[in-house]
C-alpha atoms as a PDB file:
ATOM      1  CA  MET A   1      19.120 -12.951  16.111  1.00  0.00           C
ATOM      2  CA  ASN A   2      17.368 -10.409  18.934  1.00  0.00           C
ATOM      3  CA  ILE A   3      15.410  -7.506  17.611  1.00  0.00           C
ATOM      4  CA  SER A   4      14.699  -4.613  19.437  1.00  0.00           C
ATOM      5  CA  ALA A   5      11.556  -2.832  19.088  1.00  0.00           C
ATOM      6  CA  ILE A   6       9.275  -0.184  20.178  1.00  0.00           C
ATOM      7  CA  ILE A   7       4.815   0.481  20.553  1.00  0.00           C
ATOM      8  CA  ILE A   8       3.686   3.697  19.321  1.00  0.00           C
ATOM      9  CA  ASP A   9       0.564   3.638  19.637  1.00  0.00           C
ATOM     10  CA  ASP A  10      -1.991   6.014  22.287  1.00  0.00           C
ATOM     11  CA  GLU A  11      -4.506   3.634  23.670  1.00  0.00           C
ATOM     12  CA  SER A  12      -2.698   1.907  26.569  1.00  0.00           C
ATOM     13  CA  HIS A  13      -5.497  -1.547  25.902  1.00  0.00           C
ATOM     14  CA  ASN A  14      -3.411  -2.031  22.678  1.00  0.00           C
ATOM     15  CA  ILE A  15      -0.115  -2.190  23.835  1.00  0.00           C
ATOM     16  CA  GLU A  16      -0.420  -4.281  26.650  1.00  0.00           C
ATOM     17  CA  ASN A  17      -2.741  -6.455  23.787  1.00  0.00           C
ATOM     18  CA  LEU A  18       0.118  -6.804  21.948  1.00  0.00           C
ATOM     19  CA  GLN A  19       2.595  -6.672  24.087  1.00  0.00           C
ATOM     20  CA  LEU A  20       1.362 -10.269  24.613  1.00  0.00           C
ATOM     21  CA  ILE A  21       1.150 -11.011  21.855  1.00  0.00           C
ATOM     22  CA  ILE A  22       4.494 -10.464  21.226  1.00  0.00           C
ATOM     23  CA  THR A  23       5.453 -12.930  24.261  1.00  0.00           C
ATOM     24  CA  LYS A  24       3.371 -15.335  23.699  1.00  0.00           C
ATOM     25  CA  TYR A  25       4.786 -16.103  20.062  1.00  0.00           C
ATOM     26  CA  CYS A  26       7.578 -14.007  19.223  1.00  0.00           C
ATOM     27  CA  SER A  27      10.685 -14.946  22.040  1.00  0.00           C
ATOM     28  CA  ASP A  28      13.375 -12.807  19.464  1.00  0.00           C
ATOM     29  CA  ILE A  29      11.874  -9.604  19.809  1.00  0.00           C
ATOM     30  CA  THR A  30      12.326  -7.635  23.130  1.00  0.00           C
ATOM     31  CA  ILE A  31       9.799  -4.749  23.666  1.00  0.00           C
ATOM     32  CA  LYS A  32      12.511  -1.684  24.847  1.00  0.00           C
ATOM     33  CA  ALA A  33      10.046   0.867  25.109  1.00  0.00           C
ATOM     34  CA  THR A  34       5.987   2.373  24.263  1.00  0.00           C
ATOM     35  CA  ALA A  35       4.992   5.987  23.528  1.00  0.00           C
ATOM     36  CA  ALA A  36       1.734   6.972  23.283  1.00  0.00           C
ATOM     37  CA  ASN A  37       1.912   9.975  20.923  1.00  0.00           C
ATOM     38  CA  ALA A  38       4.248  10.994  18.204  1.00  0.00           C
ATOM     39  CA  ILE A  39       6.628  13.416  20.174  1.00  0.00           C
ATOM     40  CA  ASP A  40       7.177  10.906  22.634  1.00  0.00           C
ATOM     41  CA  GLY A  41       7.561   7.964  19.918  1.00  0.00           C
ATOM     42  CA  VAL A  42      10.048  10.328  17.714  1.00  0.00           C
ATOM     43  CA  SER A  43      11.660  11.221  21.248  1.00  0.00           C
ATOM     44  CA  ILE A  44      12.589   6.698  21.436  1.00  0.00           C
ATOM     45  CA  ILE A  45      12.825   5.832  18.981  1.00  0.00           C
ATOM     46  CA  GLN A  46      16.233   8.424  18.469  1.00  0.00           C
ATOM     47  CA  GLN A  47      17.010   6.589  22.036  1.00  0.00           C
ATOM     48  CA  TYR A  48      16.922   3.239  21.516  1.00  0.00           C
ATOM     49  CA  GLN A  49      17.547   2.957  16.819  1.00  0.00           C
ATOM     50  CA  PRO A  50      14.929   0.157  17.361  1.00  0.00           C
ATOM     51  CA  ASP A  51      15.052  -2.786  14.853  1.00  0.00           C
ATOM     52  CA  LEU A  52      11.295  -2.476  14.422  1.00  0.00           C
ATOM     53  CA  VAL A  53       8.690  -0.070  15.618  1.00  0.00           C
ATOM     54  CA  PHE A  54       5.026  -1.156  15.787  1.00  0.00           C
ATOM     55  CA  LEU A  55       3.094   1.921  14.592  1.00  0.00           C
ATOM     56  CA  ASP A  56      -0.588   3.281  15.705  1.00  0.00           C
ATOM     57  CA  ILE A  57      -1.421   5.552  12.754  1.00  0.00           C
ATOM     58  CA  GLN A  58      -4.315   7.470  13.978  1.00  0.00           C
ATOM     59  CA  MET A  59      -3.443   8.969  17.142  1.00  0.00           C
ATOM     60  CA  PRO A  60      -4.782  12.303  18.846  1.00  0.00           C
ATOM     61  CA  ASP A  61      -2.597  15.488  17.305  1.00  0.00           C
ATOM     62  CA  GLN A  62      -0.456  14.575  15.410  1.00  0.00           C
ATOM     63  CA  SER A  63      -0.901  10.957  13.366  1.00  0.00           C
ATOM     64  CA  GLY A  64       2.060   7.913  13.308  1.00  0.00           C
ATOM     65  CA  PHE A  65       2.133   9.386   9.196  1.00  0.00           C
ATOM     66  CA  ASP A  66       3.414  12.761  11.146  1.00  0.00           C
ATOM     67  CA  LEU A  67       5.788  11.232  13.428  1.00  0.00           C
ATOM     68  CA  LEU A  68       7.855   9.681  10.845  1.00  0.00           C
ATOM     69  CA  SER A  69       7.734  12.700   8.118  1.00  0.00           C
ATOM     70  CA  LYS A  70       9.794  14.421  11.841  1.00  0.00           C
ATOM     71  CA  LEU A  71      12.687  11.639  11.673  1.00  0.00           C
ATOM     72  CA  SER A  72      15.514  13.074   9.507  1.00  0.00           C
ATOM     73  CA  SER A  73      15.900   9.468   8.364  1.00  0.00           C
ATOM     74  CA  ILE A  74      14.450   5.678   8.675  1.00  0.00           C
ATOM     75  CA  THR A  75      16.926   3.171   9.486  1.00  0.00           C
ATOM     76  CA  PHE A  76      13.966   0.360  11.243  1.00  0.00           C
ATOM     77  CA  GLU A  77      11.343  -1.433   9.651  1.00  0.00           C
ATOM     78  CA  ILE A  78       7.908  -0.720   9.963  1.00  0.00           C
ATOM     79  CA  ILE A  79       4.286  -2.500  10.966  1.00  0.00           C
ATOM     80  CA  PHE A  80       1.084  -0.310  11.257  1.00  0.00           C
ATOM     81  CA  ILE A  81      -1.280  -1.134  13.174  1.00  0.00           C
ATOM     82  CA  THR A  82      -4.400   0.988  12.404  1.00  0.00           C
ATOM     83  CA  ALA A  83      -8.004   0.764  13.199  1.00  0.00           C
ATOM     84  CA  TYR A  84      -9.712   1.073   9.313  1.00  0.00           C
ATOM     85  CA  ASP A  85      -9.174   4.874   7.304  1.00  0.00           C
ATOM     86  CA  LYS A  86      -9.278   5.120   4.832  1.00  0.00           C
ATOM     87  CA  TYR A  87      -6.355   7.322   3.722  1.00  0.00           C
ATOM     88  CA  GLY A  88      -4.247   5.619   5.710  1.00  0.00           C
ATOM     89  CA  ILE A  89      -4.422   2.260   4.404  1.00  0.00           C
ATOM     90  CA  GLN A  90      -5.023   3.204   0.901  1.00  0.00           C
ATOM     91  CA  ALA A  91      -1.525   4.795   1.320  1.00  0.00           C
ATOM     92  CA  ILE A  92       0.158   1.457   3.275  1.00  0.00           C
ATOM     93  CA  LYS A  93      -1.229  -0.127   0.374  1.00  0.00           C
ATOM     94  CA  PHE A  94       0.024   2.087  -2.827  1.00  0.00           C
ATOM     95  CA  SER A  95       3.566   1.157  -1.378  1.00  0.00           C
ATOM     96  CA  ALA A  96       3.468  -2.251  -0.425  1.00  0.00           C
ATOM     97  CA  LEU A  97       4.231  -2.212   3.324  1.00  0.00           C
ATOM     98  CA  ASP A  98       2.268  -4.372   6.033  1.00  0.00           C
ATOM     99  CA  TYR A  99      -0.578  -2.660   7.722  1.00  0.00           C
ATOM    100  CA  LEU A 100      -2.778  -5.060  10.933  1.00  0.00           C
ATOM    101  CA  LEU A 101      -6.005  -3.948  11.750  1.00  0.00           C
ATOM    102  CA  LYS A 102      -6.971  -3.592  15.441  1.00  0.00           C
ATOM    103  CA  PRO A 103      -8.312  -5.547  17.067  1.00  0.00           C
ATOM    104  CA  ILE A 104      -5.075  -8.153  15.951  1.00  0.00           C
ATOM    105  CA  ASN A 105      -5.377 -11.161  13.950  1.00  0.00           C
ATOM    106  CA  VAL A 106      -2.434 -13.684  15.302  1.00  0.00           C
ATOM    107  CA  ARG A 107      -2.000 -15.399  12.177  1.00  0.00           C
ATOM    108  CA  GLU A 108      -1.444 -10.994   9.949  1.00  0.00           C
ATOM    109  CA  PHE A 109       0.780 -10.867  12.926  1.00  0.00           C
ATOM    110  CA  GLY A 110       3.205 -13.455  12.606  1.00  0.00           C
ATOM    111  CA  LEU A 111       3.108 -13.341   8.509  1.00  0.00           C
ATOM    112  CA  ALA A 112       4.052  -9.238   9.363  1.00  0.00           C
ATOM    113  CA  VAL A 113       6.196 -10.150  11.825  1.00  0.00           C
ATOM    114  CA  GLU A 114       8.363 -12.820   9.764  1.00  0.00           C
ATOM    115  CA  LYS A 115       8.657 -10.142   6.730  1.00  0.00           C
ATOM    116  CA  ALA A 116      10.624  -8.157   8.700  1.00  0.00           C
ATOM    117  CA  ARG A 117      12.368  -9.843  10.267  1.00  0.00           C
ATOM    118  CA  LEU A 118      13.552 -11.239   7.201  1.00  0.00           C
ATOM    119  CA  ARG A 119      14.077  -8.266   5.749  1.00  0.00           C
ATOM    120  CA  ILE A 120      16.546  -7.014   9.146  1.00  0.00           C
ATOM    121  CA  GLN A 121      18.501 -10.217   9.128  1.00  0.00           C
ATOM    122  CA  GLU A 122      19.338  -9.671   4.954  1.00  0.00           C
ATOM    123  CA  LYS A 123      19.984  -5.764   6.213  1.00  0.00           C
ATOM    124  CA  GLN A 124      17.427  -4.910   3.862  1.00  0.00           C
ATOM    125  CA  ARG A 125      16.677  -0.849   2.599  1.00  0.00           C
ATOM    126  CA  ASN A 126      12.903  -1.246   2.642  1.00  0.00           C
ATOM    127  CA  SER A 127      12.459   1.506  -0.239  1.00  0.00           C
ATOM    128  CA  ASN A 128       8.697   1.317   0.159  1.00  0.00           C
ATOM    129  CA  LEU A 129       9.325   3.123   3.101  1.00  0.00           C
ATOM    130  CA  GLU A 130      10.657   6.433   0.806  1.00  0.00           C
ATOM    131  CA  ASN A 131       7.319   5.630  -1.524  1.00  0.00           C
ATOM    132  CA  LEU A 132       5.220   6.286   1.357  1.00  0.00           C
ATOM    133  CA  LEU A 133       6.761   9.019   2.258  1.00  0.00           C
ATOM    134  CA  SER A 134       6.620  10.139  -0.356  1.00  0.00           C
ATOM    135  CA  TYR A 135       3.002   9.836  -1.199  1.00  0.00           C
ATOM    136  CA  ILE A 136       2.801  11.709   2.230  1.00  0.00           C
ATOM    137  CA  LYS A 137       4.375  14.690   1.548  1.00  0.00           C
ATOM    138  CA  ALA A 138       2.309  15.403  -2.177  1.00  0.00           C
ATOM    139  CA  GLY A 139      -1.296  15.057  -0.102  1.00  0.00           C
ATOM    140  CA  ASN A 140      -2.774  12.391  -2.375  1.00  0.00           C
ATOM    141  CA  ARG A 141      -1.388  14.291  -5.846  1.00  0.00           C
ATOM    142  CA  ASP A 142      -0.529  12.010  -8.296  1.00  0.00           C
ATOM    143  CA  PRO A 143       1.069   9.627  -6.041  1.00  0.00           C
ATOM    144  CA  LYS A 144       2.946   6.576  -6.812  1.00  0.00           C
ATOM    145  CA  ILE A 145       2.397   3.094  -6.857  1.00  0.00           C
ATOM    146  CA  ALA A 146       4.501  -0.186  -5.818  1.00  0.00           C
ATOM    147  CA  LEU A 147       5.063  -2.538  -8.185  1.00  0.00           C
ATOM    148  CA  PRO A 148       6.483  -5.487  -6.901  1.00  0.00           C
ATOM    149  CA  THR A 149       8.433  -7.494 -10.417  1.00  0.00           C
ATOM    150  CA  GLN A 150      10.515 -10.558  -9.987  1.00  0.00           C
ATOM    151  CA  LYS A 151      13.804  -8.726 -10.183  1.00  0.00           C
ATOM    152  CA  GLU A 152      12.734  -4.921  -8.564  1.00  0.00           C
ATOM    153  CA  THR A 153      10.133  -2.702  -7.037  1.00  0.00           C
ATOM    154  CA  LEU A 154       9.281  -0.359  -9.450  1.00  0.00           C
ATOM    155  CA  TYR A 155       8.193   3.487  -8.535  1.00  0.00           C
ATOM    156  CA  VAL A 156       5.547   4.350 -10.560  1.00  0.00           C
ATOM    157  CA  LYS A 157       2.874   7.139 -11.025  1.00  0.00           C
ATOM    158  CA  ILE A 158      -0.972   6.208 -11.013  1.00  0.00           C
ATOM    159  CA  SER A 159      -1.157   8.795 -13.290  1.00  0.00           C
ATOM    160  CA  ASP A 160       1.200   7.705 -16.422  1.00  0.00           C
ATOM    161  CA  ILE A 161      -0.772   3.867 -16.549  1.00  0.00           C
ATOM    162  CA  ILE A 162      -2.514   3.525 -19.046  1.00  0.00           C
ATOM    163  CA  ARG A 163      -4.631  -0.059 -18.712  1.00  0.00           C
ATOM    164  CA  CYS A 164      -3.617  -3.356 -16.331  1.00  0.00           C
ATOM    165  CA  GLU A 165      -4.279  -7.100 -17.831  1.00  0.00           C
ATOM    166  CA  ALA A 166      -4.525  -9.763 -15.484  1.00  0.00           C
ATOM    167  CA  VAL A 167      -1.938 -12.597 -17.200  1.00  0.00           C
ATOM    168  CA  ASN A 168      -3.364 -15.678 -14.837  1.00  0.00           C
ATOM    169  CA  ASN A 169      -1.975 -15.064 -11.665  1.00  0.00           C
ATOM    170  CA  TYR A 170       0.349 -11.827 -12.441  1.00  0.00           C
ATOM    171  CA  THR A 171      -0.534  -8.282 -13.971  1.00  0.00           C
ATOM    172  CA  THR A 172       1.077  -7.090 -16.681  1.00  0.00           C
ATOM    173  CA  PHE A 173       0.590  -2.246 -16.193  1.00  0.00           C
ATOM    174  CA  CYS A 174       0.883  -0.061 -19.504  1.00  0.00           C
ATOM    175  CA  LEU A 175       1.910   2.681 -19.054  1.00  0.00           C
ATOM    176  CA  LYS A 176       1.708   6.251 -21.186  1.00  0.00           C
ATOM    177  CA  ASN A 177       4.544   5.625 -22.439  1.00  0.00           C
ATOM    178  CA  ARG A 178       4.134   2.255 -23.888  1.00  0.00           C
ATOM    179  CA  GLU A 179       6.326   0.223 -21.330  1.00  0.00           C
ATOM    180  CA  GLN A 180       4.850  -2.600 -20.184  1.00  0.00           C
ATOM    181  CA  ILE A 181       5.807  -3.982 -16.591  1.00  0.00           C
ATOM    182  CA  LEU A 182       4.680  -7.772 -14.998  1.00  0.00           C
ATOM    183  CA  VAL A 183       4.168  -7.966 -11.424  1.00  0.00           C
ATOM    184  CA  CYS A 184       4.127 -10.298  -9.330  1.00  0.00           C
ATOM    185  CA  LYS A 185       0.003  -9.647  -7.983  1.00  0.00           C
ATOM    186  CA  THR A 186      -3.460 -10.439  -9.339  1.00  0.00           C
ATOM    187  CA  LEU A 187      -5.239  -8.040 -10.984  1.00  0.00           C
ATOM    188  CA  LYS A 188      -8.202  -7.821  -8.323  1.00  0.00           C
ATOM    189  CA  GLU A 189      -5.931  -6.520  -5.700  1.00  0.00           C
ATOM    190  CA  PHE A 190      -4.797  -2.990  -7.856  1.00  0.00           C
ATOM    191  CA  SER A 191      -8.761  -2.907  -9.235  1.00  0.00           C
ATOM    192  CA  ASP A 192      -9.653  -2.512  -5.162  1.00  0.00           C
ATOM    193  CA  LEU A 193      -6.139  -0.098  -5.301  1.00  0.00           C
ATOM    194  CA  LEU A 194      -7.137   1.803  -8.215  1.00  0.00           C
ATOM    195  CA  LYS A 195     -10.536   2.319  -8.532  1.00  0.00           C
ATOM    196  CA  PRO A 196     -10.415   4.924  -6.268  1.00  0.00           C
ATOM    197  CA  GLN A 197      -8.010   6.737  -8.576  1.00  0.00           C
ATOM    198  CA  GLY A 198     -10.508   7.102 -11.744  1.00  0.00           C
ATOM    199  CA  PHE A 199     -10.071   3.226 -12.973  1.00  0.00           C
ATOM    200  CA  ALA A 200     -12.820   1.007 -14.050  1.00  0.00           C
ATOM    201  CA  ARG A 201     -12.633  -2.582 -14.598  1.00  0.00           C
ATOM    202  CA  THR A 202     -14.250  -3.226 -17.985  1.00  0.00           C
ATOM    203  CA  HIS A 203     -14.052  -6.665 -18.487  1.00  0.00           C
ATOM    204  CA  GLN A 204     -12.281  -9.756 -15.724  1.00  0.00           C
ATOM    205  CA  SER A 205      -9.045  -9.758 -17.438  1.00  0.00           C
ATOM    206  CA  HIS A 206      -9.343  -5.648 -17.957  1.00  0.00           C
ATOM    207  CA  LEU A 207      -8.848  -2.202 -15.590  1.00  0.00           C
ATOM    208  CA  VAL A 208      -8.354   0.917 -17.544  1.00  0.00           C
ATOM    209  CA  ASN A 209      -7.276   4.264 -16.820  1.00  0.00           C
ATOM    210  CA  ILE A 210     -10.724   6.390 -17.560  1.00  0.00           C
ATOM    211  CA  LYS A 211      -8.694   9.368 -18.829  1.00  0.00           C
ATOM    212  CA  TYR A 212      -7.154   7.513 -21.659  1.00  0.00           C
ATOM    213  CA  VAL A 213     -10.594   6.574 -22.997  1.00  0.00           C
ATOM    214  CA  LYS A 214     -10.378   7.895 -26.186  1.00  0.00           C
ATOM    215  CA  SER A 215     -13.998   6.317 -27.765  1.00  0.00           C
ATOM    216  CA  TYR A 216     -16.752   3.939 -26.954  1.00  0.00           C
ATOM    217  CA  LEU A 217     -16.628   1.310 -29.341  1.00  0.00           C
ATOM    218  CA  LYS A 218     -20.298  -0.657 -30.503  1.00  0.00           C
ATOM    219  CA  GLU A 219     -18.526  -3.347 -31.937  1.00  0.00           C
ATOM    220  CA  ASP A 220     -18.640  -6.368 -29.619  1.00  0.00           C
ATOM    221  CA  GLY A 221     -21.031  -5.246 -27.621  1.00  0.00           C
ATOM    222  CA  GLY A 222     -18.896  -2.522 -26.635  1.00  0.00           C
ATOM    223  CA  THR A 223     -15.393  -1.979 -26.566  1.00  0.00           C
ATOM    224  CA  LEU A 224     -13.311   0.827 -25.210  1.00  0.00           C
ATOM    225  CA  LEU A 225     -10.703   2.977 -27.519  1.00  0.00           C
ATOM    226  CA  LEU A 226      -7.704   4.221 -26.128  1.00  0.00           C
ATOM    227  CA  ASP A 227      -5.449   7.267 -26.217  1.00  0.00           C
ATOM    228  CA  ASN A 228      -2.816   4.368 -27.384  1.00  0.00           C
ATOM    229  CA  GLN A 229      -5.183   3.610 -29.619  1.00  0.00           C
ATOM    230  CA  ASP A 230      -5.502  -0.224 -28.071  1.00  0.00           C
ATOM    231  CA  LYS A 231      -8.620  -1.600 -27.370  1.00  0.00           C
ATOM    232  CA  ILE A 232     -10.245  -2.865 -24.346  1.00  0.00           C
ATOM    233  CA  PRO A 233     -13.406  -5.453 -24.580  1.00  0.00           C
ATOM    234  CA  ILE A 234     -16.055  -4.406 -22.130  1.00  0.00           C
ATOM    235  CA  SER A 235     -17.985  -7.411 -19.941  1.00  0.00           C
ATOM    236  CA  ARG A 236     -22.056  -8.047 -20.532  1.00  0.00           C
ATOM    237  CA  GLN A 237     -22.160  -7.758 -17.022  1.00  0.00           C
ATOM    238  CA  ASN A 238     -19.684  -4.038 -16.311  1.00  0.00           C
ATOM    239  CA  ARG A 239     -21.234  -1.728 -19.819  1.00  0.00           C
ATOM    240  CA  GLU A 240     -24.121  -0.401 -18.361  1.00  0.00           C
ATOM    241  CA  SER A 241     -21.803   0.867 -14.711  1.00  0.00           C
ATOM    242  CA  ILE A 242     -18.852   1.800 -17.624  1.00  0.00           C
ATOM    243  CA  LYS A 243     -21.144   3.959 -19.709  1.00  0.00           C
ATOM    244  CA  ILE A 244     -21.845   5.587 -15.190  1.00  0.00           C
ATOM    245  CA  VAL A 245     -18.429   6.321 -15.002  1.00  0.00           C
ATOM    246  CA  LEU A 246     -17.858   7.466 -18.586  1.00  0.00           C
ATOM    247  CA  ASN A 247     -20.582  10.008 -17.887  1.00  0.00           C
ATOM    248  CA  GLN A 248     -18.992  10.965 -14.727  1.00  0.00           C
ATOM    249  CA  MET A 249     -15.780  11.375 -14.975  1.00  0.00           C
ATOM    250  CA  LEU A 250     -15.212  12.065 -19.172  1.00  0.00           C
END
């Protein structure tokens, strides 16, 4: 199967480097066109109707996200390429999408392309992109996070998550409607993502949304009582940091 692709990046040396990597490692990908800004990017997407777009997030005047918001529909796979940008990376991670940091690591590039290739071959509709667009349009207000389970990917408002608990290499999400969702990722992956959203790691196995904390109990060395009456242990090493977080956020 031949995959048609375009590259949108404001730096010509990045485009050239990516073209070299694709030529060397991906014989089934044909680069149909390149663009150096969002306006030209929209134009070549409409002209070539590609299977795959390599899209830089940070570009002058309009970002890669601005480009996507101008499209009436997204019928292609996207691999984001960016230098480190906190908001951009966070938005992509919330939606469980693939991105590559500059300079591009060939192994990570190969993994991202393989996942995109499988979705293209199976003609899967990538609902994660829709979640990303919703996140962007919401302006980071009450965003949703993609939670991949064994059967499907669910999109849950972060504000509805009371707590998360590690279950071996999985994570259980406990929601305010009392629903529990078992997700195929480790707690550490979600801990790094949710801490900026008002969550705190109380224990090796527990991550708590601070806004649902009802009280701090001194029993057993420190325990958090949540609004749903769950009691969450606080490890000795996290005790002081939790007290600081509670004082700052409650």
